[in-house]
Amino acid sequence: IIEEESLRLSAMATNVLNLTKVENQTILTDVKNYNLSEQIRSCI
């Protein structure tokens, strides 16, 4: 239970940090042309 809850809290903290980072970003960086279809297949 402790391990499961620790992993859940860790994931939540990471998500909150990611959200804060994205919310505070006003300029899109690291833009490049890439294969969107391959990316979606990889995620699947």
PDB file of all heavy atoms in Angstrom:
ATOM      1  N   ILE A   1       0.844  -1.206   0.000  1.00  0.00           N
ATOM      2  CA  ILE A   1       0.000   0.000   0.000  1.00  0.00           C
ATOM      3  C   ILE A   1       0.877   1.253   0.000  1.00  0.00           C
ATOM      4  O   ILE A   1       0.624   2.192  -0.758  1.00  0.00           O
ATOM      5  CB  ILE A   1      -0.965  -0.004   1.212  1.00  0.00           C
ATOM      6  CG1 ILE A   1      -2.016  -1.101   1.044  1.00  0.00           C
ATOM      7  CG2 ILE A   1      -1.627   1.365   1.386  1.00  0.00           C
ATOM      8  CD1 ILE A   1      -2.856  -1.348   2.286  1.00  0.00           C
ATOM      9  N   ILE A   2       1.897   1.255   0.839  1.00  0.00           N
ATOM     10  CA  ILE A   2       2.799   2.416   0.909  1.00  0.00           C
ATOM     11  C   ILE A   2       3.493   2.622  -0.431  1.00  0.00           C
ATOM     12  O   ILE A   2       3.585   3.755  -0.923  1.00  0.00           O
ATOM     13  CB  ILE A   2       3.837   2.237   2.050  1.00  0.00           C
ATOM     14  CG1 ILE A   2       3.140   2.338   3.411  1.00  0.00           C
ATOM     15  CG2 ILE A   2       4.964   3.259   1.925  1.00  0.00           C
ATOM     16  CD1 ILE A   2       4.007   1.900   4.583  1.00  0.00           C
ATOM     17  N   GLU A   3       3.954   1.541  -1.040  1.00  0.00           N
ATOM     18  CA  GLU A   3       4.628   1.644  -2.340  1.00  0.00           C
ATOM     19  C   GLU A   3       3.675   2.173  -3.409  1.00  0.00           C
ATOM     20  O   GLU A   3       4.014   3.090  -4.173  1.00  0.00           O
ATOM     21  CB  GLU A   3       5.179   0.286  -2.765  1.00  0.00           C
ATOM     22  CG  GLU A   3       5.914   0.330  -4.092  1.00  0.00           C
ATOM     23  CD  GLU A   3       6.439  -1.019  -4.530  1.00  0.00           C
ATOM     24  OE1 GLU A   3       6.128  -2.044  -3.882  1.00  0.00           O
ATOM     25  OE2 GLU A   3       7.151  -1.048  -5.547  1.00  0.00           O
ATOM     26  N   GLU A   4       2.463   1.639  -3.451  1.00  0.00           N
ATOM     27  CA  GLU A   4       1.469   2.057  -4.439  1.00  0.00           C
ATOM     28  C   GLU A   4       1.113   3.534  -4.275  1.00  0.00           C
ATOM     29  O   GLU A   4       1.055   4.287  -5.257  1.00  0.00           O
ATOM     30  CB  GLU A   4       0.216   1.192  -4.294  1.00  0.00           C
ATOM     31  CG  GLU A   4      -0.816   1.418  -5.367  1.00  0.00           C
ATOM     32  CD  GLU A   4      -1.996   0.477  -5.195  1.00  0.00           C
ATOM     33  OE1 GLU A   4      -1.781  -0.749  -5.084  1.00  0.00           O
ATOM     34  OE2 GLU A   4      -3.132   0.986  -5.171  1.00  0.00           O
ATOM     35  N   GLU A   5       0.896   3.963  -3.047  1.00  0.00           N
ATOM     36  CA  GLU A   5       0.543   5.366  -2.792  1.00  0.00           C
ATOM     37  C   GLU A   5       1.722   6.288  -3.063  1.00  0.00           C
ATOM     38  O   GLU A   5       1.533   7.410  -3.552  1.00  0.00           O
ATOM     39  CB  GLU A   5       0.029   5.545  -1.362  1.00  0.00           C
ATOM     40  CG  GLU A   5      -1.358   4.967  -1.159  1.00  0.00           C
ATOM     41  CD  GLU A   5      -2.388   5.576  -2.102  1.00  0.00           C
ATOM     42  OE1 GLU A   5      -2.541   6.814  -2.126  1.00  0.00           O
ATOM     43  OE2 GLU A   5      -3.038   4.805  -2.822  1.00  0.00           O
ATOM     44  N   SER A   6       2.937   5.846  -2.776  1.00  0.00           N
ATOM     45  CA  SER A   6       4.130   6.650  -3.072  1.00  0.00           C
ATOM     46  C   SER A   6       4.268   6.863  -4.576  1.00  0.00           C
ATOM     47  O   SER A   6       4.571   7.973  -5.027  1.00  0.00           O
ATOM     48  CB  SER A   6       5.397   5.977  -2.539  1.00  0.00           C
ATOM     49  OG  SER A   6       5.352   5.892  -1.140  1.00  0.00           O
ATOM     50  N   LEU A   7       4.035   5.816  -5.361  1.00  0.00           N
ATOM     51  CA  LEU A   7       4.096   5.935  -6.820  1.00  0.00           C
ATOM     52  C   LEU A   7       3.000   6.862  -7.333  1.00  0.00           C
ATOM     53  O   LEU A   7       3.231   7.673  -8.234  1.00  0.00           O
ATOM     54  CB  LEU A   7       3.981   4.558  -7.472  1.00  0.00           C
ATOM     55  CG  LEU A   7       5.171   3.624  -7.286  1.00  0.00           C
ATOM     56  CD1 LEU A   7       4.847   2.220  -7.796  1.00  0.00           C
ATOM     57  CD2 LEU A   7       6.402   4.184  -7.983  1.00  0.00           C
ATOM     58  N   ARG A   8       1.817   6.767  -6.757  1.00  0.00           N
ATOM     59  CA  ARG A   8       0.710   7.641  -7.158  1.00  0.00           C
ATOM     60  C   ARG A   8       1.029   9.095  -6.858  1.00  0.00           C
ATOM     61  O   ARG A   8       0.833   9.981  -7.694  1.00  0.00           O
ATOM     62  CB  ARG A   8      -0.579   7.213  -6.443  1.00  0.00           C
ATOM     63  CG  ARG A   8      -1.832   7.945  -6.928  1.00  0.00           C
ATOM     64  CD  ARG A   8      -3.059   7.556  -6.103  1.00  0.00           C
ATOM     65  NE  ARG A   8      -2.957   7.945  -4.711  1.00  0.00           N
ATOM     66  CZ  ARG A   8      -3.156   9.181  -4.262  1.00  0.00           C
ATOM     67  NH1 ARG A   8      -3.473  10.140  -5.086  1.00  0.00           N
ATOM     68  NH2 ARG A   8      -3.041   9.454  -2.979  1.00  0.00           N
ATOM     69  N   LEU A   9       1.551   9.371  -5.667  1.00  0.00           N
ATOM     70  CA  LEU A   9       1.906  10.746  -5.295  1.00  0.00           C
ATOM     71  C   LEU A   9       3.053  11.278  -6.152  1.00  0.00           C
ATOM     72  O   LEU A   9       3.060  12.450  -6.540  1.00  0.00           O
ATOM     73  CB  LEU A   9       2.266  10.821  -3.808  1.00  0.00           C
ATOM     74  CG  LEU A   9       1.098  10.678  -2.843  1.00  0.00           C
ATOM     75  CD1 LEU A   9       1.601  10.565  -1.402  1.00  0.00           C
ATOM     76  CD2 LEU A   9       0.141  11.844  -2.983  1.00  0.00           C
ATOM     77  N   SER A  10       3.999  10.424  -6.456  1.00  0.00           N
ATOM     78  CA  SER A  10       5.112  10.821  -7.320  1.00  0.00           C
ATOM     79  C   SER A  10       4.605  11.193  -8.711  1.00  0.00           C
ATOM     80  O   SER A  10       5.008  12.213  -9.282  1.00  0.00           O
ATOM     81  CB  SER A  10       6.125   9.682  -7.416  1.00  0.00           C
ATOM     82  OG  SER A  10       7.117   9.978  -8.364  1.00  0.00           O
ATOM     83  N   ALA A  11       3.697  10.383  -9.257  1.00  0.00           N
ATOM     84  CA  ALA A  11       3.120  10.665 -10.584  1.00  0.00           C
ATOM     85  C   ALA A  11       2.327  11.965 -10.548  1.00  0.00           C
ATOM     86  O   ALA A  11       2.402  12.775 -11.480  1.00  0.00           O
ATOM     87  CB  ALA A  11       2.242   9.505 -11.030  1.00  0.00           C
ATOM     88  N   MET A  12       1.596  12.182  -9.469  1.00  0.00           N
ATOM     89  CA  MET A  12       0.808  13.400  -9.341  1.00  0.00           C
ATOM     90  C   MET A  12       1.715  14.628  -9.274  1.00  0.00           C
ATOM     91  O   MET A  12       1.468  15.642  -9.936  1.00  0.00           O
ATOM     92  CB  MET A  12      -0.084  13.337  -8.110  1.00  0.00           C
ATOM     93  CG  MET A  12      -1.027  14.497  -7.990  1.00  0.00           C
ATOM     94  SD  MET A  12      -2.242  14.099  -6.725  1.00  0.00           S
ATOM     95  CE  MET A  12      -2.653  15.701  -6.134  1.00  0.00           C
ATOM     96  N   ALA A  13       2.784  14.549  -8.493  1.00  0.00           N
ATOM     97  CA  ALA A  13       3.723  15.671  -8.385  1.00  0.00           C
ATOM     98  C   ALA A  13       4.366  15.959  -9.741  1.00  0.00           C
ATOM     99  O   ALA A  13       4.494  17.127 -10.138  1.00  0.00           O
ATOM    100  CB  ALA A  13       4.792  15.363  -7.341  1.00  0.00           C
ATOM    101  N   THR A  14       4.732  14.925 -10.465  1.00  0.00           N
ATOM    102  CA  THR A  14       5.310  15.094 -11.801  1.00  0.00           C
ATOM    103  C   THR A  14       4.317  15.768 -12.731  1.00  0.00           C
ATOM    104  O   THR A  14       4.679  16.685 -13.483  1.00  0.00           O
ATOM    105  CB  THR A  14       5.742  13.726 -12.374  1.00  0.00           C
ATOM    106  OG1 THR A  14       6.719  13.155 -11.494  1.00  0.00           O
ATOM    107  CG2 THR A  14       6.326  13.868 -13.770  1.00  0.00           C
ATOM    108  N   ASN A  15       3.069  15.336 -12.690  1.00  0.00           N
ATOM    109  CA  ASN A  15       2.040  15.946 -13.533  1.00  0.00           C
ATOM    110  C   ASN A  15       1.812  17.416 -13.189  1.00  0.00           C
ATOM    111  O   ASN A  15       1.638  18.244 -14.079  1.00  0.00           O
ATOM    112  CB  ASN A  15       0.723  15.168 -13.441  1.00  0.00           C
ATOM    113  CG  ASN A  15       0.736  13.926 -14.290  1.00  0.00           C
ATOM    114  OD1 ASN A  15       1.504  13.820 -15.236  1.00  0.00           O
ATOM    115  ND2 ASN A  15      -0.118  12.987 -13.961  1.00  0.00           N
ATOM    116  N   VAL A  16       1.792  17.740 -11.908  1.00  0.00           N
ATOM    117  CA  VAL A  16       1.608  19.134 -11.494  1.00  0.00           C
ATOM    118  C   VAL A  16       2.785  19.980 -11.992  1.00  0.00           C
ATOM    119  O   VAL A  16       2.593  21.087 -12.509  1.00  0.00           O
ATOM    120  CB  VAL A  16       1.439  19.251  -9.962  1.00  0.00           C
ATOM    121  CG1 VAL A  16       1.512  20.702  -9.506  1.00  0.00           C
ATOM    122  CG2 VAL A  16       0.123  18.628  -9.530  1.00  0.00           C
ATOM    123  N   LEU A  17       3.998  19.452 -11.873  1.00  0.00           N
ATOM    124  CA  LEU A  17       5.171  20.181 -12.366  1.00  0.00           C
ATOM    125  C   LEU A  17       5.102  20.357 -13.882  1.00  0.00           C
ATOM    126  O   LEU A  17       5.412  21.432 -14.407  1.00  0.00           O
ATOM    127  CB  LEU A  17       6.458  19.454 -11.965  1.00  0.00           C
ATOM    128  CG  LEU A  17       6.823  19.513 -10.490  1.00  0.00           C
ATOM    129  CD1 LEU A  17       7.999  18.594 -10.191  1.00  0.00           C
ATOM    130  CD2 LEU A  17       7.133  20.939 -10.061  1.00  0.00           C
ATOM    131  N   ASN A  18       4.699  19.312 -14.601  1.00  0.00           N
ATOM    132  CA  ASN A  18       4.559  19.408 -16.057  1.00  0.00           C
ATOM    133  C   ASN A  18       3.519  20.442 -16.443  1.00  0.00           C
ATOM    134  O   ASN A  18       3.717  21.227 -17.365  1.00  0.00           O
ATOM    135  CB  ASN A  18       4.188  18.053 -16.669  1.00  0.00           C
ATOM    136  CG  ASN A  18       5.350  17.094 -16.704  1.00  0.00           C
ATOM    137  OD1 ASN A  18       6.502  17.493 -16.639  1.00  0.00           O
ATOM    138  ND2 ASN A  18       5.046  15.809 -16.809  1.00  0.00           N
ATOM    139  N   LEU A  19       2.400  20.447 -15.740  1.00  0.00           N
ATOM    140  CA  LEU A  19       1.340  21.408 -16.030  1.00  0.00           C
ATOM    141  C   LEU A  19       1.834  22.831 -15.779  1.00  0.00           C
ATOM    142  O   LEU A  19       1.621  23.727 -16.602  1.00  0.00           O
ATOM    143  CB  LEU A  19       0.095  21.116 -15.184  1.00  0.00           C
ATOM    144  CG  LEU A  19      -1.075  22.083 -15.376  1.00  0.00           C
ATOM    145  CD1 LEU A  19      -1.562  22.093 -16.818  1.00  0.00           C
ATOM    146  CD2 LEU A  19      -2.214  21.711 -14.439  1.00  0.00           C
ATOM    147  N   THR A  20       2.501  23.048 -14.665  1.00  0.00           N
ATOM    148  CA  THR A  20       3.027  24.375 -14.345  1.00  0.00           C
ATOM    149  C   THR A  20       4.017  24.832 -15.408  1.00  0.00           C
ATOM    150  O   THR A  20       3.979  25.983 -15.855  1.00  0.00           O
ATOM    151  CB  THR A  20       3.698  24.367 -12.953  1.00  0.00           C
ATOM    152  OG1 THR A  20       2.737  23.947 -11.985  1.00  0.00           O
ATOM    153  CG2 THR A  20       4.230  25.734 -12.583  1.00  0.00           C
ATOM    154  N   LYS A  21       4.870  23.928 -15.834  1.00  0.00           N
ATOM    155  CA  LYS A  21       5.861  24.250 -16.876  1.00  0.00           C
ATOM    156  C   LYS A  21       5.164  24.656 -18.170  1.00  0.00           C
ATOM    157  O   LYS A  21       5.508  25.669 -18.780  1.00  0.00           O
ATOM    158  CB  LYS A  21       6.767  23.038 -17.118  1.00  0.00           C
ATOM    159  CG  LYS A  21       7.804  23.252 -18.180  1.00  0.00           C
ATOM    160  CD  LYS A  21       8.634  21.996 -18.392  1.00  0.00           C
ATOM    161  CE  LYS A  21       9.529  22.147 -19.597  1.00  0.00           C
ATOM    162  NZ  LYS A  21      10.221  20.911 -19.926  1.00  0.00           N
ATOM    163  N   VAL A  22       4.175  23.894 -18.587  1.00  0.00           N
ATOM    164  CA  VAL A  22       3.465  24.173 -19.839  1.00  0.00           C
ATOM    165  C   VAL A  22       2.653  25.462 -19.717  1.00  0.00           C
ATOM    166  O   VAL A  22       2.612  26.268 -20.642  1.00  0.00           O
ATOM    167  CB  VAL A  22       2.567  22.985 -20.249  1.00  0.00           C
ATOM    168  CG1 VAL A  22       1.713  23.331 -21.444  1.00  0.00           C
ATOM    169  CG2 VAL A  22       3.417  21.764 -20.563  1.00  0.00           C
ATOM    170  N   GLU A  23       2.009  25.666 -18.567  1.00  0.00           N
ATOM    171  CA  GLU A  23       1.212  26.880 -18.357  1.00  0.00           C
ATOM    172  C   GLU A  23       2.072  28.142 -18.433  1.00  0.00           C
ATOM    173  O   GLU A  23       1.611  29.184 -18.885  1.00  0.00           O
ATOM    174  CB  GLU A  23       0.513  26.845 -16.996  1.00  0.00           C
ATOM    175  CG  GLU A  23      -0.709  25.977 -16.947  1.00  0.00           C
ATOM    176  CD  GLU A  23      -1.335  25.958 -15.565  1.00  0.00           C
ATOM    177  OE1 GLU A  23      -0.617  26.077 -14.547  1.00  0.00           O
ATOM    178  OE2 GLU A  23      -2.557  25.807 -15.501  1.00  0.00           O
ATOM    179  N   ASN A  24       3.300  28.044 -17.975  1.00  0.00           N
ATOM    180  CA  ASN A  24       4.181  29.211 -17.939  1.00  0.00           C
ATOM    181  C   ASN A  24       4.980  29.404 -19.228  1.00  0.00           C
ATOM    182  O   ASN A  24       5.695  30.385 -19.364  1.00  0.00           O
ATOM    183  CB  ASN A  24       5.136  29.121 -16.743  1.00  0.00           C
ATOM    184  CG  ASN A  24       4.399  29.298 -15.438  1.00  0.00           C
ATOM    185  OD1 ASN A  24       3.497  30.116 -15.334  1.00  0.00           O
ATOM    186  ND2 ASN A  24       4.760  28.500 -14.443  1.00  0.00           N
ATOM    187  N   GLN A  25       4.846  28.470 -20.145  1.00  0.00           N
ATOM    188  CA  GLN A  25       5.569  28.580 -21.414  1.00  0.00           C
ATOM    189  C   GLN A  25       4.726  29.392 -22.394  1.00  0.00           C
ATOM    190  O   GLN A  25       3.554  29.089 -22.619  1.00  0.00           O
ATOM    191  CB  GLN A  25       5.846  27.176 -21.967  1.00  0.00           C
ATOM    192  CG  GLN A  25       6.779  27.173 -23.135  1.00  0.00           C
ATOM    193  CD  GLN A  25       7.235  25.766 -23.487  1.00  0.00           C
ATOM    194  OE1 GLN A  25       7.065  24.826 -22.705  1.00  0.00           O
ATOM    195  NE2 GLN A  25       7.818  25.624 -24.658  1.00  0.00           N
ATOM    196  N   THR A  26       5.320  30.429 -22.951  1.00  0.00           N
ATOM    197  CA  THR A  26       4.589  31.273 -23.898  1.00  0.00           C
ATOM    198  C   THR A  26       5.098  31.120 -25.325  1.00  0.00           C
ATOM    199  O   THR A  26       4.405  31.475 -26.265  1.00  0.00           O
ATOM    200  CB  THR A  26       4.682  32.757 -23.490  1.00  0.00           C
ATOM    201  OG1 THR A  26       6.062  33.119 -23.385  1.00  0.00           O
ATOM    202  CG2 THR A  26       3.962  33.011 -22.174  1.00  0.00           C
ATOM    203  N   ILE A  27       6.309  30.611 -25.460  1.00  0.00           N
ATOM    204  CA  ILE A  27       6.897  30.419 -26.786  1.00  0.00           C
ATOM    205  C   ILE A  27       7.146  28.932 -26.983  1.00  0.00           C
ATOM    206  O   ILE A  27       7.718  28.260 -26.123  1.00  0.00           O
ATOM    207  CB  ILE A  27       8.222  31.192 -26.921  1.00  0.00           C
ATOM    208  CG1 ILE A  27       7.968  32.695 -26.763  1.00  0.00           C
ATOM    209  CG2 ILE A  27       8.893  30.905 -28.256  1.00  0.00           C
ATOM    210  CD1 ILE A  27       9.220  33.524 -26.657  1.00  0.00           C
ATOM    211  N   LEU A  28       6.713  28.437 -28.125  1.00  0.00           N
ATOM    212  CA  LEU A  28       6.918  27.030 -28.452  1.00  0.00           C
ATOM    213  C   LEU A  28       8.365  26.825 -28.893  1.00  0.00           C
ATOM    214  O   LEU A  28       8.841  27.474 -29.822  1.00  0.00           O
ATOM    215  CB  LEU A  28       5.951  26.618 -29.562  1.00  0.00           C
ATOM    216  CG  LEU A  28       5.829  25.138 -29.853  1.00  0.00           C
ATOM    217  CD1 LEU A  28       5.388  24.368 -28.612  1.00  0.00           C
ATOM    218  CD2 LEU A  28       4.836  24.912 -30.974  1.00  0.00           C
ATOM    219  N   THR A  29       9.078  25.955 -28.201  1.00  0.00           N
ATOM    220  CA  THR A  29      10.489  25.695 -28.508  1.00  0.00           C
ATOM    221  C   THR A  29      10.650  24.284 -29.057  1.00  0.00           C
ATOM    222  O   THR A  29       9.721  23.478 -29.032  1.00  0.00           O
ATOM    223  CB  THR A  29      11.354  25.856 -27.238  1.00  0.00           C
ATOM    224  OG1 THR A  29      10.869  24.941 -26.238  1.00  0.00           O
ATOM    225  CG2 THR A  29      11.298  27.274 -26.707  1.00  0.00           C
ATOM    226  N   ASP A  30      11.852  23.980 -29.522  1.00  0.00           N
ATOM    227  CA  ASP A  30      12.212  22.652 -30.030  1.00  0.00           C
ATOM    228  C   ASP A  30      11.246  22.172 -31.110  1.00  0.00           C
ATOM    229  O   ASP A  30      10.841  21.004 -31.127  1.00  0.00           O
ATOM    230  CB  ASP A  30      12.282  21.621 -28.890  1.00  0.00           C
ATOM    231  CG  ASP A  30      13.324  21.980 -27.850  1.00  0.00           C
ATOM    232  OD1 ASP A  30      14.386  22.519 -28.237  1.00  0.00           O
ATOM    233  OD2 ASP A  30      13.079  21.744 -26.656  1.00  0.00           O
ATOM    234  N   VAL A  31      10.885  23.065 -32.001  1.00  0.00           N
ATOM    235  CA  VAL A  31       9.955  22.736 -33.083  1.00  0.00           C
ATOM    236  C   VAL A  31      10.744  22.128 -34.236  1.00  0.00           C
ATOM    237  O   VAL A  31      11.792  22.640 -34.623  1.00  0.00           O
ATOM    238  CB  VAL A  31       9.205  24.006 -33.558  1.00  0.00           C
ATOM    239  CG1 VAL A  31       8.358  23.725 -34.773  1.00  0.00           C
ATOM    240  CG2 VAL A  31       8.357  24.553 -32.426  1.00  0.00           C
ATOM    241  N   LYS A  32      10.245  21.008 -34.751  1.00  0.00           N
ATOM    242  CA  LYS A  32      10.862  20.371 -35.907  1.00  0.00           C
ATOM    243  C   LYS A  32       9.804  19.620 -36.690  1.00  0.00           C
ATOM    244  O   LYS A  32       8.712  19.355 -36.187  1.00  0.00           O
ATOM    245  CB  LYS A  32      11.996  19.446 -35.479  1.00  0.00           C
ATOM    246  CG  LYS A  32      11.561  18.236 -34.674  1.00  0.00           C
ATOM    247  CD  LYS A  32      12.760  17.383 -34.322  1.00  0.00           C
ATOM    248  CE  LYS A  32      12.336  16.115 -33.613  1.00  0.00           C
ATOM    249  NZ  LYS A  32      13.446  15.226 -33.338  1.00  0.00           N
ATOM    250  N   ASN A  33      10.141  19.258 -37.904  1.00  0.00           N
ATOM    251  CA  ASN A  33       9.238  18.478 -38.738  1.00  0.00           C
ATOM    252  C   ASN A  33       9.507  17.005 -38.459  1.00  0.00           C
ATOM    253  O   ASN A  33      10.668  16.573 -38.465  1.00  0.00           O
ATOM    254  CB  ASN A  33       9.462  18.810 -40.216  1.00  0.00           C
ATOM    255  CG  ASN A  33       8.377  18.211 -41.075  1.00  0.00           C
ATOM    256  OD1 ASN A  33       8.448  17.039 -41.438  1.00  0.00           O
ATOM    257  ND2 ASN A  33       7.379  18.997 -41.400  1.00  0.00           N
ATOM    258  N   TYR A  34       8.456  16.256 -38.190  1.00  0.00           N
ATOM    259  CA  TYR A  34       8.627  14.827 -37.907  1.00  0.00           C
ATOM    260  C   TYR A  34       7.389  14.049 -38.337  1.00  0.00           C
ATOM    261  O   TYR A  34       6.349  14.623 -38.659  1.00  0.00           O
ATOM    262  CB  TYR A  34       8.946  14.592 -36.421  1.00  0.00           C
ATOM    263  CG  TYR A  34       7.802  14.875 -35.488  1.00  0.00           C
ATOM    264  CD1 TYR A  34       6.927  13.856 -35.095  1.00  0.00           C
ATOM    265  CD2 TYR A  34       7.571  16.157 -34.989  1.00  0.00           C
ATOM    266  CE1 TYR A  34       5.877  14.112 -34.242  1.00  0.00           C
ATOM    267  CE2 TYR A  34       6.518  16.414 -34.131  1.00  0.00           C
ATOM    268  CZ  TYR A  34       5.676  15.393 -33.766  1.00  0.00           C
ATOM    269  OH  TYR A  34       4.626  15.642 -32.912  1.00  0.00           O
ATOM    270  N   ASN A  35       7.500  12.723 -38.299  1.00  0.00           N
ATOM    271  CA  ASN A  35       6.423  11.825 -38.728  1.00  0.00           C
ATOM    272  C   ASN A  35       5.429  11.645 -37.580  1.00  0.00           C
ATOM    273  O   ASN A  35       5.681  10.896 -36.632  1.00  0.00           O
ATOM    274  CB  ASN A  35       7.010  10.485 -39.167  1.00  0.00           C
ATOM    275  CG  ASN A  35       5.989   9.572 -39.797  1.00  0.00           C
ATOM    276  OD1 ASN A  35       4.812   9.582 -39.439  1.00  0.00           O
ATOM    277  ND2 ASN A  35       6.443   8.753 -40.734  1.00  0.00           N
ATOM    278  N   LEU A  36       4.305  12.327 -37.691  1.00  0.00           N
ATOM    279  CA  LEU A  36       3.241  12.261 -36.688  1.00  0.00           C
ATOM    280  C   LEU A  36       2.645  10.853 -36.596  1.00  0.00           C
ATOM    281  O   LEU A  36       2.374  10.354 -35.498  1.00  0.00           O
ATOM    282  CB  LEU A  36       2.151  13.281 -37.028  1.00  0.00           C
ATOM    283  CG  LEU A  36       0.900  13.294 -36.158  1.00  0.00           C
ATOM    284  CD1 LEU A  36       1.243  13.681 -34.730  1.00  0.00           C
ATOM    285  CD2 LEU A  36      -0.120  14.264 -36.741  1.00  0.00           C
ATOM    286  N   SER A  37       2.468  10.222 -37.726  1.00  0.00           N
ATOM    287  CA  SER A  37       1.884   8.870 -37.745  1.00  0.00           C
ATOM    288  C   SER A  37       2.762   7.880 -36.990  1.00  0.00           C
ATOM    289  O   SER A  37       2.263   7.057 -36.222  1.00  0.00           O
ATOM    290  CB  SER A  37       1.698   8.410 -39.188  1.00  0.00           C
ATOM    291  OG  SER A  37       0.878   9.313 -39.884  1.00  0.00           O
ATOM    292  N   GLU A  38       4.075   7.981 -37.198  1.00  0.00           N
ATOM    293  CA  GLU A  38       5.003   7.092 -36.496  1.00  0.00           C
ATOM    294  C   GLU A  38       4.945   7.348 -34.991  1.00  0.00           C
ATOM    295  O   GLU A  38       4.993   6.415 -34.186  1.00  0.00           O
ATOM    296  CB  GLU A  38       6.424   7.296 -37.024  1.00  0.00           C
ATOM    297  CG  GLU A  38       7.430   6.350 -36.428  1.00  0.00           C
ATOM    298  CD  GLU A  38       7.135   4.882 -36.685  1.00  0.00           C
ATOM    299  OE1 GLU A  38       6.573   4.531 -37.740  1.00  0.00           O
ATOM    300  OE2 GLU A  38       7.459   4.057 -35.797  1.00  0.00           O
ATOM    301  N   GLN A  39       4.810   8.610 -34.609  1.00  0.00           N
ATOM    302  CA  GLN A  39       4.724   8.949 -33.189  1.00  0.00           C
ATOM    303  C   GLN A  39       3.477   8.334 -32.554  1.00  0.00           C
ATOM    304  O   GLN A  39       3.542   7.766 -31.463  1.00  0.00           O
ATOM    305  CB  GLN A  39       4.704  10.470 -33.018  1.00  0.00           C
ATOM    306  CG  GLN A  39       4.670  10.893 -31.560  1.00  0.00           C
ATOM    307  CD  GLN A  39       4.633  12.395 -31.420  1.00  0.00           C
ATOM    308  OE1 GLN A  39       3.820  13.077 -32.044  1.00  0.00           O
ATOM    309  NE2 GLN A  39       5.525  12.923 -30.588  1.00  0.00           N
ATOM    310  N   ILE A  40       2.360   8.419 -33.236  1.00  0.00           N
ATOM    311  CA  ILE A  40       1.116   7.856 -32.698  1.00  0.00           C
ATOM    312  C   ILE A  40       1.220   6.331 -32.608  1.00  0.00           C
ATOM    313  O   ILE A  40       0.820   5.735 -31.593  1.00  0.00           O
ATOM    314  CB  ILE A  40      -0.093   8.310 -33.541  1.00  0.00           C
ATOM    315  CG1 ILE A  40      -0.310   9.819 -33.353  1.00  0.00           C
ATOM    316  CG2 ILE A  40      -1.353   7.527 -33.156  1.00  0.00           C
ATOM    317  CD1 ILE A  40      -1.323  10.441 -34.284  1.00  0.00           C
ATOM    318  N   ARG A  41       1.785   5.695 -33.629  1.00  0.00           N
ATOM    319  CA  ARG A  41       1.980   4.228 -33.575  1.00  0.00           C
ATOM    320  C   ARG A  41       2.871   3.848 -32.395  1.00  0.00           C
ATOM    321  O   ARG A  41       2.610   2.870 -31.684  1.00  0.00           O
ATOM    322  CB  ARG A  41       2.565   3.711 -34.892  1.00  0.00           C
ATOM    323  CG  ARG A  41       1.575   3.658 -36.031  1.00  0.00           C
ATOM    324  CD  ARG A  41       2.131   2.902 -37.242  1.00  0.00           C
ATOM    325  NE  ARG A  41       3.248   3.592 -37.860  1.00  0.00           N
ATOM    326  CZ  ARG A  41       3.150   4.455 -38.873  1.00  0.00           C
ATOM    327  NH1 ARG A  41       1.980   4.747 -39.384  1.00  0.00           N
ATOM    328  NH2 ARG A  41       4.241   5.019 -39.375  1.00  0.00           N
ATOM    329  N   SER A  42       3.917   4.619 -32.164  1.00  0.00           N
ATOM    330  CA  SER A  42       4.830   4.362 -31.045  1.00  0.00           C
ATOM    331  C   SER A  42       4.101   4.483 -29.702  1.00  0.00           C
ATOM    332  O   SER A  42       4.296   3.666 -28.805  1.00  0.00           O
ATOM    333  CB  SER A  42       5.994   5.358 -31.111  1.00  0.00           C
ATOM    334  OG  SER A  42       6.791   5.272 -29.977  1.00  0.00           O
ATOM    335  N   CYS A  43       3.235   5.485 -29.573  1.00  0.00           N
ATOM    336  CA  CYS A  43       2.461   5.660 -28.333  1.00  0.00           C
ATOM    337  C   CYS A  43       1.516   4.482 -28.110  1.00  0.00           C
ATOM    338  O   CYS A  43       1.359   4.011 -26.977  1.00  0.00           O
ATOM    339  CB  CYS A  43       1.675   6.967 -28.381  1.00  0.00           C
ATOM    340  SG  CYS A  43       2.714   8.441 -28.298  1.00  0.00           S
ATOM    341  N   ILE A  44       0.923   4.007 -29.181  1.00  0.00           N
ATOM    342  CA  ILE A  44       0.025   2.842 -29.079  1.00  0.00           C
ATOM    343  C   ILE A  44       0.806   1.631 -28.583  1.00  0.00           C
ATOM    344  O   ILE A  44       0.343   0.895 -27.709  1.00  0.00           O
ATOM    345  CB  ILE A  44      -0.662   2.567 -30.433  1.00  0.00           C
ATOM    346  CG1 ILE A  44      -1.668   3.680 -30.739  1.00  0.00           C
ATOM    347  CG2 ILE A  44      -1.333   1.198 -30.442  1.00  0.00           C
ATOM    348  CD1 ILE A  44      -2.189   3.693 -32.163  1.00  0.00           C
TER     349      ILE A  44
END
